[in-house]
PDB file of N, CA and C in Angstrom:
ATOM      1  N   MET A   1     115.944  99.708 105.663  1.00  0.00           N
ATOM      2  CA  MET A   1     116.429  98.608 106.766  1.00  0.00           C
ATOM      3  C   MET A   1     117.506  99.263 107.642  1.00  0.00           C
ATOM      4  N   THR A   2     117.391  99.015 108.934  1.00  0.00           N
ATOM      5  CA  THR A   2     118.176  99.608 110.056  1.00  0.00           C
ATOM      6  C   THR A   2     118.813  98.074 110.467  1.00  0.00           C
ATOM      7  N   LEU A   3     120.171  98.767 110.565  1.00  0.00           N
ATOM      8  CA  LEU A   3     121.242  97.611 111.029  1.00  0.00           C
ATOM      9  C   LEU A   3     122.133  98.122 112.446  1.00  0.00           C
ATOM     10  N   THR A   4     121.717  97.640 113.457  1.00  0.00           N
ATOM     11  CA  THR A   4     122.746  98.080 114.501  1.00  0.00           C
ATOM     12  C   THR A   4     123.456  96.874 115.145  1.00  0.00           C
ATOM     13  N   ILE A   5     124.959  97.444 114.949  1.00  0.00           N
ATOM     14  CA  ILE A   5     125.916  96.816 115.342  1.00  0.00           C
ATOM     15  C   ILE A   5     126.690  97.158 116.641  1.00  0.00           C
ATOM     16  N   PRO A   6     126.352  96.205 117.963  1.00  0.00           N
ATOM     17  CA  PRO A   6     126.700  96.966 118.989  1.00  0.00           C
ATOM     18  C   PRO A   6     128.706  97.015 118.848  1.00  0.00           C
ATOM     19  N   SER A   7     128.873  98.210 119.575  1.00  0.00           N
ATOM     20  CA  SER A   7     130.453  98.676 119.514  1.00  0.00           C
ATOM     21  C   SER A   7     131.040  97.571 120.019  1.00  0.00           C
ATOM     22  N   GLU A   8     130.821  96.606 121.162  1.00  0.00           N
ATOM     23  CA  GLU A   8     131.624  95.840 121.451  1.00  0.00           C
ATOM     24  C   GLU A   8     131.716  94.282 120.379  1.00  0.00           C
ATOM     25  N   ARG A   9     130.833  94.237 119.781  1.00  0.00           N
ATOM     26  CA  ARG A   9     131.154  93.075 118.567  1.00  0.00           C
ATOM     27  C   ARG A   9     132.151  93.989 117.736  1.00  0.00           C
ATOM     28  N   LEU A  10     132.370  95.040 117.379  1.00  0.00           N
ATOM     29  CA  LEU A  10     133.286  95.493 116.314  1.00  0.00           C
ATOM     30  C   LEU A  10     134.931  95.764 116.957  1.00  0.00           C
ATOM     31  N   GLY A  11     134.612  95.930 118.447  1.00  0.00           N
ATOM     32  CA  GLY A  11     136.095  95.854 119.056  1.00  0.00           C
ATOM     33  C   GLY A  11     136.849  97.384 118.650  1.00  0.00           C
ATOM     34  N   ASN A  12     137.847  97.050 118.053  1.00  0.00           N
ATOM     35  CA  ASN A  12     138.468  98.402 117.715  1.00  0.00           C
ATOM     36  C   ASN A  12     138.889  98.635 116.025  1.00  0.00           C
ATOM     37  N   ILE A  13     137.818  97.733 115.484  1.00  0.00           N
ATOM     38  CA  ILE A  13     137.574  98.106 113.986  1.00  0.00           C
ATOM     39  C   ILE A  13     136.871  99.489 113.852  1.00  0.00           C
ATOM     40  N   GLU A  14     137.634 100.152 112.751  1.00  0.00           N
ATOM     41  CA  GLU A  14     136.974 101.498 112.509  1.00  0.00           C
ATOM     42  C   GLU A  14     136.010 101.255 111.252  1.00  0.00           C
ATOM     43  N   LEU A  15     134.835 101.487 111.474  1.00  0.00           N
ATOM     44  CA  LEU A  15     133.894 101.190 110.621  1.00  0.00           C
ATOM     45  C   LEU A  15     132.804 102.257 110.456  1.00  0.00           C
ATOM     46  N   ASN A  16     132.777 103.162 109.315  1.00  0.00           N
ATOM     47  CA  ASN A  16     131.648 104.066 109.089  1.00  0.00           C
ATOM     48  C   ASN A  16     130.706 103.532 108.462  1.00  0.00           C
ATOM     49  N   GLU A  17     129.479 104.273 108.371  1.00  0.00           N
ATOM     50  CA  GLU A  17     128.025 103.882 108.019  1.00  0.00           C
ATOM     51  C   GLU A  17     128.400 103.610 106.291  1.00  0.00           C
ATOM     52  N   ARG A  18     129.097 104.794 105.551  1.00  0.00           N
ATOM     53  CA  ARG A  18     129.455 104.118 104.130  1.00  0.00           C
ATOM     54  C   ARG A  18     130.127 103.286 103.593  1.00  0.00           C
ATOM     55  N   ASP A  19     131.424 103.102 104.813  1.00  0.00           N
ATOM     56  CA  ASP A  19     132.268 101.797 104.551  1.00  0.00           C
ATOM     57  C   ASP A  19     131.355 100.462 104.560  1.00  0.00           C
ATOM     58  N   ALA A  20     130.310 100.443 105.494  1.00  0.00           N
ATOM     59  CA  ALA A  20     129.631  99.467 105.869  1.00  0.00           C
ATOM     60  C   ALA A  20     128.864  98.814 104.630  1.00  0.00           C
ATOM     61  N   VAL A  21     128.219 100.014 104.191  1.00  0.00           N
ATOM     62  CA  VAL A  21     127.080  99.708 103.090  1.00  0.00           C
ATOM     63  C   VAL A  21     127.898  99.281 101.750  1.00  0.00           C
ATOM     64  N   VAL A  22     129.252 100.241 101.752  1.00  0.00           N
ATOM     65  CA  VAL A  22     129.825  99.213 100.254  1.00  0.00           C
ATOM     66  C   VAL A  22     130.101  97.845 100.598  1.00  0.00           C
ATOM     67  N   ASP A  23     130.795  97.572 102.080  1.00  0.00           N
ATOM     68  CA  ASP A  23     131.088  96.175 102.153  1.00  0.00           C
ATOM     69  C   ASP A  23     130.018  95.228 101.736  1.00  0.00           C
ATOM     70  N   ILE A  24     128.610  95.729 102.348  1.00  0.00           N
ATOM     71  CA  ILE A  24     127.461  94.901 102.118  1.00  0.00           C
ATOM     72  C   ILE A  24     127.289  94.786 100.599  1.00  0.00           C
ATOM     73  N   ALA A  25     127.567  95.925  99.903  1.00  0.00           N
ATOM     74  CA  ALA A  25     126.868  95.563  98.313  1.00  0.00           C
ATOM     75  C   ALA A  25     128.170  94.767  97.519  1.00  0.00           C
ATOM     76  N   ILE A  26     129.417  94.715  98.245  1.00  0.00           N
ATOM     77  CA  ILE A  26     130.238  93.982  97.548  1.00  0.00           C
ATOM     78  C   ILE A  26     130.081  92.487  98.038  1.00  0.00           C
ATOM     79  N   GLY A  27     129.700  92.173  98.854  1.00  0.00           N
ATOM     80  CA  GLY A  27     129.434  90.842  99.673  1.00  0.00           C
ATOM     81  C   GLY A  27     128.227  90.607  98.595  1.00  0.00           C
ATOM     82  N   LEU A  28     127.400  91.207  98.609  1.00  0.00           N
ATOM     83  CA  LEU A  28     126.267  90.575  97.635  1.00  0.00           C
ATOM     84  C   LEU A  28     126.654  90.560  96.243  1.00  0.00           C
ATOM     85  N   TYR A  29     127.608  91.363  95.857  1.00  0.00           N
ATOM     86  CA  TYR A  29     127.673  91.016  94.404  1.00  0.00           C
ATOM     87  C   TYR A  29     128.945  89.949  94.136  1.00  0.00           C
ATOM     88  N   LYS A  30     129.722  89.544  95.170  1.00  0.00           N
ATOM     89  CA  LYS A  30     130.682  88.390  94.984  1.00  0.00           C
ATOM     90  C   LYS A  30     129.821  87.254  95.217  1.00  0.00           C
ATOM     91  N   ARG A  31     128.421  87.280  95.792  1.00  0.00           N
ATOM     92  CA  ARG A  31     127.952  85.973  96.070  1.00  0.00           C
ATOM     93  C   ARG A  31     126.794  85.973  95.063  1.00  0.00           C
ATOM     94  N   GLU A  32     126.872  86.655  93.961  1.00  0.00           N
ATOM     95  CA  GLU A  32     126.078  86.709  92.861  1.00  0.00           C
ATOM     96  C   GLU A  32     124.930  87.052  93.125  1.00  0.00           C
ATOM     97  N   GLN A  33     124.444  87.503  94.345  1.00  0.00           N
ATOM     98  CA  GLN A  33     122.888  87.801  94.516  1.00  0.00           C
ATOM     99  C   GLN A  33     122.211  89.162  93.695  1.00  0.00           C
ATOM    100  N   VAL A  34     123.223  89.897  93.427  1.00  0.00           N
ATOM    101  CA  VAL A  34     123.030  91.173  92.809  1.00  0.00           C
ATOM    102  C   VAL A  34     124.009  91.388  91.543  1.00  0.00           C
ATOM    103  N   SER A  35     123.439  92.184  90.414  1.00  0.00           N
ATOM    104  CA  SER A  35     124.520  92.690  89.524  1.00  0.00           C
ATOM    105  C   SER A  35     125.117  93.833  89.632  1.00  0.00           C
ATOM    106  N   LEU A  36     126.108  93.817  89.317  1.00  0.00           N
ATOM    107  CA  LEU A  36     127.104  94.982  89.495  1.00  0.00           C
ATOM    108  C   LEU A  36     126.378  96.306  89.436  1.00  0.00           C
ATOM    109  N   GLY A  37     125.688  96.724  88.489  1.00  0.00           N
ATOM    110  CA  GLY A  37     125.043  97.966  88.669  1.00  0.00           C
ATOM    111  C   GLY A  37     124.089  98.001  89.799  1.00  0.00           C
ATOM    112  N   ARG A  38     123.260  97.061  90.358  1.00  0.00           N
ATOM    113  CA  ARG A  38     122.677  97.096  91.355  1.00  0.00           C
ATOM    114  C   ARG A  38     123.509  97.220  92.916  1.00  0.00           C
ATOM    115  N   ALA A  39     124.659  96.453  92.611  1.00  0.00           N
ATOM    116  CA  ALA A  39     125.513  96.639  93.964  1.00  0.00           C
ATOM    117  C   ALA A  39     125.932  98.107  94.053  1.00  0.00           C
ATOM    118  N   ALA A  40     126.240  98.733  92.643  1.00  0.00           N
ATOM    119  CA  ALA A  40     126.680 100.030  92.919  1.00  0.00           C
ATOM    120  C   ALA A  40     125.699 100.921  93.290  1.00  0.00           C
ATOM    121  N   GLU A  41     124.506 100.664  93.014  1.00  0.00           N
ATOM    122  CA  GLU A  41     123.345 101.391  93.347  1.00  0.00           C
ATOM    123  C   GLU A  41     123.242 101.091  95.074  1.00  0.00           C
ATOM    124  N   ILE A  42     123.302 100.035  95.618  1.00  0.00           N
ATOM    125  CA  ILE A  42     123.120  99.628  96.794  1.00  0.00           C
ATOM    126  C   ILE A  42     124.030 100.582  97.818  1.00  0.00           C
ATOM    127  N   ALA A  43     125.591 100.774  96.967  1.00  0.00           N
ATOM    128  CA  ALA A  43     126.729 101.323  97.577  1.00  0.00           C
ATOM    129  C   ALA A  43     126.654 102.770  97.319  1.00  0.00           C
ATOM    130  N   GLY A  44     125.945 103.285  96.693  1.00  0.00           N
ATOM    131  CA  GLY A  44     125.796 104.632  96.488  1.00  0.00           C
ATOM    132  C   GLY A  44     126.724 105.253  95.506  1.00  0.00           C
ATOM    133  N   MET A  45     127.098 104.479  94.729  1.00  0.00           N
ATOM    134  CA  MET A  45     128.311 104.702  93.709  1.00  0.00           C
ATOM    135  C   MET A  45     127.548 104.335  92.418  1.00  0.00           C
ATOM    136  N   THR A  46     128.470 104.926  91.464  1.00  0.00           N
ATOM    137  CA  THR A  46     128.322 104.790  89.964  1.00  0.00           C
ATOM    138  C   THR A  46     128.961 103.513  89.762  1.00  0.00           C
ATOM    139  N   SER A  47     128.811 102.979  88.641  1.00  0.00           N
ATOM    140  CA  SER A  47     129.132 101.585  87.991  1.00  0.00           C
ATOM    141  C   SER A  47     130.566 101.566  87.820  1.00  0.00           C
ATOM    142  N   PRO A  48     130.991 102.776  87.216  1.00  0.00           N
ATOM    143  CA  PRO A  48     132.572 102.899  87.292  1.00  0.00           C
ATOM    144  C   PRO A  48     133.184 103.122  88.551  1.00  0.00           C
ATOM    145  N   ALA A  49     132.640 103.733  89.312  1.00  0.00           N
ATOM    146  CA  ALA A  49     133.210 103.994  90.586  1.00  0.00           C
ATOM    147  C   ALA A  49     133.214 102.390  91.389  1.00  0.00           C
ATOM    148  N   PHE A  50     132.344 101.913  91.362  1.00  0.00           N
ATOM    149  CA  PHE A  50     132.189 100.475  92.138  1.00  0.00           C
ATOM    150  C   PHE A  50     133.266  99.507  91.581  1.00  0.00           C
ATOM    151  N   LEU A  51     133.257  99.383  90.133  1.00  0.00           N
ATOM    152  CA  LEU A  51     134.244  98.768  89.623  1.00  0.00           C
ATOM    153  C   LEU A  51     135.964  99.058  89.653  1.00  0.00           C
ATOM    154  N   ALA A  52     135.927 100.299  90.136  1.00  0.00           N
ATOM    155  CA  ALA A  52     137.284 100.821  90.521  1.00  0.00           C
ATOM    156  C   ALA A  52     137.329 100.456  91.967  1.00  0.00           C
ATOM    157  N   GLU A  53     136.333 100.388  92.974  1.00  0.00           N
ATOM    158  CA  GLU A  53     136.417  99.926  94.179  1.00  0.00           C
ATOM    159  C   GLU A  53     136.764  98.145  94.225  1.00  0.00           C
ATOM    160  N   LEU A  54     136.101  97.883  93.169  1.00  0.00           N
ATOM    161  CA  LEU A  54     136.325  96.192  93.347  1.00  0.00           C
ATOM    162  C   LEU A  54     137.864  96.124  92.644  1.00  0.00           C
ATOM    163  N   GLY A  55     138.386  96.837  91.779  1.00  0.00           N
ATOM    164  CA  GLY A  55     139.653  96.781  91.393  1.00  0.00           C
ATOM    165  C   GLY A  55     140.664  97.341  92.455  1.00  0.00           C
ATOM    166  N   ARG A  56     140.554  97.992  93.440  1.00  0.00           N
ATOM    167  CA  ARG A  56     141.406  98.548  94.413  1.00  0.00           C
ATOM    168  C   ARG A  56     141.274  97.423  95.666  1.00  0.00           C
ATOM    169  N   ARG A  57     140.452  96.517  95.784  1.00  0.00           N
ATOM    170  CA  ARG A  57     140.030  95.657  96.686  1.00  0.00           C
ATOM    171  C   ARG A  57     140.782  94.431  96.028  1.00  0.00           C
ATOM    172  N   ARG A  58     140.999  94.341  94.889  1.00  0.00           N
ATOM    173  CA  ARG A  58     141.405  93.432  93.964  1.00  0.00           C
ATOM    174  C   ARG A  58     140.283  92.011  94.031  1.00  0.00           C
ATOM    175  N   ILE A  59     139.273  92.307  93.822  1.00  0.00           N
ATOM    176  CA  ILE A  59     137.954  91.518  93.704  1.00  0.00           C
ATOM    177  C   ILE A  59     137.778  91.265  92.202  1.00  0.00           C
ATOM    178  N   PRO A  60     137.835  90.362  91.774  1.00  0.00           N
ATOM    179  CA  PRO A  60     137.210  89.993  90.259  1.00  0.00           C
ATOM    180  C   PRO A  60     135.886  90.382  90.001  1.00  0.00           C
ATOM    181  N   ILE A  61     135.543  90.898  88.768  1.00  0.00           N
ATOM    182  CA  ILE A  61     134.331  90.743  88.475  1.00  0.00           C
ATOM    183  C   ILE A  61     133.655  89.516  88.177  1.00  0.00           C
ATOM    184  N   ASN A  62     132.535  89.596  88.230  1.00  0.00           N
ATOM    185  CA  ASN A  62     131.611  88.232  87.702  1.00  0.00           C
ATOM    186  C   ASN A  62     131.311  88.096  86.350  1.00  0.00           C
ATOM    187  N   TYR A  63     132.369  87.590  85.379  1.00  0.00           N
ATOM    188  CA  TYR A  63     132.352  87.742  83.967  1.00  0.00           C
ATOM    189  C   TYR A  63     132.542  86.051  83.588  1.00  0.00           C
ATOM    190  N   ASP A  64     131.640  85.552  83.051  1.00  0.00           N
ATOM    191  CA  ASP A  64     131.730  84.305  82.861  1.00  0.00           C
ATOM    192  C   ASP A  64     131.821  83.902  80.935  1.00  0.00           C
ATOM    193  N   GLY A  65     132.085  82.619  80.559  1.00  0.00           N
ATOM    194  CA  GLY A  65     132.093  82.374  78.918  1.00  0.00           C
ATOM    195  C   GLY A  65     130.963  82.841  78.706  1.00  0.00           C
ATOM    196  N   ASP A  66     129.761  82.651  79.144  1.00  0.00           N
ATOM    197  CA  ASP A  66     128.456  83.280  78.638  1.00  0.00           C
ATOM    198  C   ASP A  66     128.368  84.564  78.368  1.00  0.00           C
ATOM    199  N   ASP A  67     128.851  85.462  79.441  1.00  0.00           N
ATOM    200  CA  ASP A  67     128.963  86.851  79.413  1.00  0.00           C
ATOM    201  C   ASP A  67     129.671  87.453  77.981  1.00  0.00           C
ATOM    202  N   LEU A  68     131.074  86.639  77.738  1.00  0.00           N
ATOM    203  CA  LEU A  68     132.067  86.787  76.476  1.00  0.00           C
ATOM    204  C   LEU A  68     131.387  86.670  75.582  1.00  0.00           C
ATOM    205  N   GLN A  69     130.704  85.406  75.547  1.00  0.00           N
ATOM    206  CA  GLN A  69     129.766  85.066  74.075  1.00  0.00           C
ATOM    207  C   GLN A  69     128.655  86.176  73.542  1.00  0.00           C
ATOM    208  N   ALA A  70     128.040  86.665  74.619  1.00  0.00           N
ATOM    209  CA  ALA A  70     127.171  87.628  74.570  1.00  0.00           C
ATOM    210  C   ALA A  70     127.781  89.094  74.086  1.00  0.00           C
ATOM    211  N   ASP A  71     128.866  88.985  74.807  1.00  0.00           N
ATOM    212  CA  ASP A  71     129.824  90.407  74.128  1.00  0.00           C
ATOM    213  C   ASP A  71     130.130  90.386  72.936  1.00  0.00           C
ATOM    214  N   LEU A  72     130.638  89.365  72.625  1.00  0.00           N
ATOM    215  CA  LEU A  72     131.207  88.828  71.221  1.00  0.00           C
ATOM    216  C   LEU A  72     130.098  89.169  69.991  1.00  0.00           C
ATOM    217  N   LYS A  73     128.790  88.428  70.369  1.00  0.00           N
ATOM    218  CA  LYS A  73     127.520  88.563  69.533  1.00  0.00           C
ATOM    219  C   LYS A  73     127.374  90.031  69.439  1.00  0.00           C
ATOM    220  N   THR A  74     127.373  90.879  70.271  1.00  0.00           N
ATOM    221  CA  THR A  74     127.191  92.172  70.324  1.00  0.00           C
ATOM    222  C   THR A  74     128.141  92.731  69.262  1.00  0.00           C
ATOM    223  N   LEU A  75     129.210  92.711  69.558  1.00  0.00           N
ATOM    224  CA  LEU A  75     130.149  93.357  68.890  1.00  0.00           C
ATOM    225  C   LEU A  75     130.314  93.038  67.381  1.00  0.00           C
ATOM    226  N   LYS A  76     129.813  91.774  66.958  1.00  0.00           N
ATOM    227  CA  LYS A  76     129.689  91.367  65.750  1.00  0.00           C
ATOM    228  C   LYS A  76     128.417  92.267  65.043  1.00  0.00           C
ATOM    229  N   LYS A  77     127.410  92.456  65.838  1.00  0.00           N
ATOM    230  CA  LYS A  77     126.127  93.168  65.464  1.00  0.00           C
ATOM    231  C   LYS A  77     126.611  95.037  65.089  1.00  0.00           C
ATOM    232  N   LEU A  78     127.459  94.879  65.775  1.00  0.00           N
ATOM    233  CA  LEU A  78     127.927  96.703  65.750  1.00  0.00           C
ATOM    234  C   LEU A  78     128.838  97.135  64.930  1.00  0.00           C
ATOM    235  N   SER A  79     129.570  95.721  64.003  1.00  0.00           N
ATOM    236  CA  SER A  79     130.473  95.862  63.155  1.00  0.00           C
ATOM    237  C   SER A  79     129.993  95.702  61.919  1.00  0.00           C
TER     238      SER A  79
END
């Protein structure tokens, strides 16, 4: 995909291609359109690096009660 944003729309905002791709990946993740792993892949980052970027931006991870229950079941199986 190629995206062209005319510079007059950005005004004085400094935005390079890498930052734009990370911003898009974060937006998709926040809207729960992609998983954390897929968002990291879109951003061209490892999952830990993507998690660190979310933390730096103070964006919470998508983790709900069902995720917790699944993790608890996995932990029980491992112990």
